[in-house]
Amino acid sequence: MNHTTPTRRIAPLAVVAALALAAWGGAATVLAEPAHADEIVHLRLNSTQPEADAAVAESPAEIRLFYSEPPQMDGTSVRLADAEGELVPTSEATADPDDAREVFIVPDEPLAPGTYTVHWRTIAQDGHAQRGDFSFRVTGER
């Protein structure tokens, strides 16, 4: 005698919820997933100064991030690390008074030649958190 266990299929939670609501006489709405990631993420990092992976001859006076929309500054941080991963002292992340989409930090002292990584984290006005990093190199050559 061949005994087989019936295969059970687990329905997605949205389908179970919709069926339960329908059984109780309620209306159900199933949300479709967006077609593109851009529909989910409104705020994004458009560019930086210095540019990602750039080699600059001398220490930048500031490091500037250009976002697609103004971030919530109370949820925004920008940190600068050297090649060993040690944090480099800088000012707090500040929104540009003329364009709140631009956020910048200022190193406390000129950066020595080497590779630096900028770690950023921010929260969009709609509450979505975003984070990332980029690197640049100070060559010290003129």
Protein backbone atom coordinates (compact mmCIF):
# COMPACT_ATOMS: atom_id res chain seq x y z
CA MET A 1 0.00 0.00 0.00
CA ASN A 2 1.42 3.33 -1.03
CA HIS A 3 0.81 6.06 1.54
CA THR A 4 1.27 9.60 0.36
CA THR A 5 0.84 12.75 2.29
CA PRO A 6 -1.37 15.27 0.58
CA THR A 7 0.50 18.38 -0.48
CA ARG A 8 -0.79 21.55 1.08
CA ARG A 9 -0.38 24.87 -0.52
CA ILE A 10 -0.24 27.94 1.69
CA ALA A 11 -2.10 30.91 0.26
CA PRO A 12 -0.54 34.37 0.45
CA LEU A 13 -1.73 36.37 3.44
CA ALA A 14 -3.50 38.96 1.27
CA VAL A 15 -5.59 36.25 -0.38
CA VAL A 16 -6.48 34.68 2.98
CA ALA A 17 -7.48 38.09 4.35
CA ALA A 18 -9.59 38.87 1.28
CA LEU A 19 -11.37 35.50 1.51
CA ALA A 20 -12.01 35.96 5.22
CA LEU A 21 -13.47 39.42 4.67
CA ALA A 22 -15.63 38.17 1.80
CA ALA A 23 -16.91 35.31 4.00
CA TRP A 24 -17.94 37.87 6.62
CA GLY A 25 -19.66 40.01 4.01
CA GLY A 26 -17.02 42.75 3.98
CA ALA A 27 -15.21 44.31 1.09
CA ALA A 28 -11.57 43.55 0.46
CA THR A 29 -8.91 45.45 -1.40
CA VAL A 30 -5.74 43.73 -2.50
CA LEU A 31 -2.93 46.15 -3.25
CA ALA A 32 -0.94 45.45 -6.36
CA GLU A 33 2.82 45.68 -6.22
CA PRO A 34 4.28 48.69 -8.03
CA ALA A 35 5.67 48.05 -11.49
CA HIS A 36 8.93 49.94 -10.84
CA ALA A 37 11.11 50.57 -7.81
CA ASP A 38 10.91 54.33 -8.53
CA GLU A 39 7.26 54.16 -7.51
CA ILE A 40 8.33 53.11 -4.00
CA VAL A 41 11.40 55.26 -3.43
CA HIS A 42 10.71 58.93 -3.91
CA LEU A 43 13.89 60.33 -2.37
CA ARG A 44 17.15 59.28 -3.97
CA LEU A 45 20.69 60.57 -4.06
CA ASN A 46 21.12 62.20 -7.48
CA SER A 47 24.76 63.24 -7.26
CA THR A 48 27.58 64.23 -4.93
CA GLN A 49 30.43 66.69 -4.76
CA PRO A 50 33.10 65.38 -4.95
CA GLU A 51 31.62 62.84 -7.35
CA ALA A 52 31.63 59.17 -6.41
CA ASP A 53 34.94 57.50 -7.28
CA ALA A 54 36.51 60.85 -8.21
CA ALA A 55 40.15 61.74 -7.64
CA VAL A 56 40.52 65.35 -6.49
CA ALA A 57 43.84 67.19 -6.27
CA GLU A 58 43.18 68.86 -2.93
CA SER A 59 40.93 68.53 0.06
CA PRO A 60 37.35 69.59 -0.68
CA ALA A 61 36.12 72.47 1.47
CA GLU A 62 32.83 70.57 1.88
CA ILE A 63 31.16 67.33 0.86
CA ARG A 64 27.75 67.92 -0.69
CA LEU A 65 24.93 65.46 -1.43
CA PHE A 66 22.20 66.35 -3.92
CA TYR A 67 18.90 64.57 -3.20
CA SER A 68 15.83 64.38 -5.42
CA GLU A 69 13.71 66.00 -2.68
CA PRO A 70 14.38 67.64 0.69
CA PRO A 71 15.09 65.00 3.35
CA GLN A 72 13.94 65.17 6.97
CA MET A 73 17.03 66.67 8.58
CA ASP A 74 16.30 65.19 12.01
CA GLY A 75 16.75 61.76 10.41
CA THR A 76 19.72 62.64 8.21
CA SER A 77 23.36 61.90 8.94
CA VAL A 78 26.47 62.13 6.80
CA ARG A 79 29.70 60.62 8.10
CA LEU A 80 33.16 60.68 6.59
CA ALA A 81 35.61 57.80 7.12
CA ASP A 82 39.25 57.45 6.11
CA ALA A 83 40.78 54.42 4.36
CA GLU A 84 41.08 52.57 7.70
CA GLY A 85 37.39 53.16 8.46
CA GLU A 86 38.09 55.72 11.18
CA LEU A 87 35.60 58.59 11.35
CA VAL A 88 36.97 61.95 10.27
CA PRO A 89 35.71 64.92 12.35
CA THR A 90 33.23 67.07 10.40
CA SER A 91 30.37 69.44 10.98
CA GLU A 92 26.85 68.06 11.40
CA ALA A 93 24.91 67.44 8.20
CA THR A 94 23.25 70.73 7.21
CA ALA A 95 20.64 71.52 4.59
CA ASP A 96 21.59 74.32 2.20
CA PRO A 97 19.48 77.37 3.12
CA ASP A 98 18.89 78.12 -0.59
CA ASP A 99 17.97 74.55 -1.62
CA ALA A 100 16.90 72.04 1.07
CA ARG A 101 17.57 69.16 -1.37
CA GLU A 102 21.29 69.79 -0.89
CA VAL A 103 22.93 68.55 2.31
CA PHE A 104 26.57 69.12 3.19
CA ILE A 105 29.26 68.51 5.78
CA VAL A 106 32.51 70.40 6.29
CA PRO A 107 35.68 68.58 7.42
CA ASP A 108 37.13 70.09 10.61
CA GLU A 109 40.58 70.09 8.99
CA PRO A 110 41.84 69.72 5.40
CA LEU A 111 41.86 66.08 4.30
CA ALA A 112 45.26 64.46 3.81
CA PRO A 113 45.89 62.51 0.61
CA GLY A 114 44.06 59.21 0.71
CA THR A 115 40.75 57.50 0.06
CA TYR A 116 37.62 58.57 1.94
CA THR A 117 34.17 57.03 2.18
CA VAL A 118 31.01 59.02 2.82
CA HIS A 119 28.29 57.09 4.65
CA TRP A 120 24.88 58.73 4.45
CA ARG A 121 21.48 57.96 5.86
CA THR A 122 18.31 59.98 5.50
CA ILE A 123 14.55 59.84 5.82
CA ALA A 124 12.26 61.10 3.06
CA GLN A 125 9.30 63.32 3.81
CA ASP A 126 7.07 60.24 3.33
CA GLY A 127 9.01 58.36 6.04
CA HIS A 128 11.04 55.99 3.85
CA ALA A 129 14.61 55.58 5.10
CA GLN A 130 17.45 55.55 2.60
CA ARG A 131 21.16 54.92 3.06
CA GLY A 132 24.26 54.49 1.01
CA ASP A 133 27.89 55.37 0.65
CA PHE A 134 30.38 56.54 -1.91
CA SER A 135 34.13 57.05 -2.00
CA PHE A 136 36.52 59.62 -3.39
CA ARG A 137 40.28 60.08 -3.29
CA VAL A 138 42.39 63.11 -2.43
CA THR A 139 45.60 62.85 -4.46
CA GLY A 140 47.50 65.82 -3.09
CA GLU A 141 48.87 66.42 -6.60
CA ARG A 142 48.47 69.76 -8.27
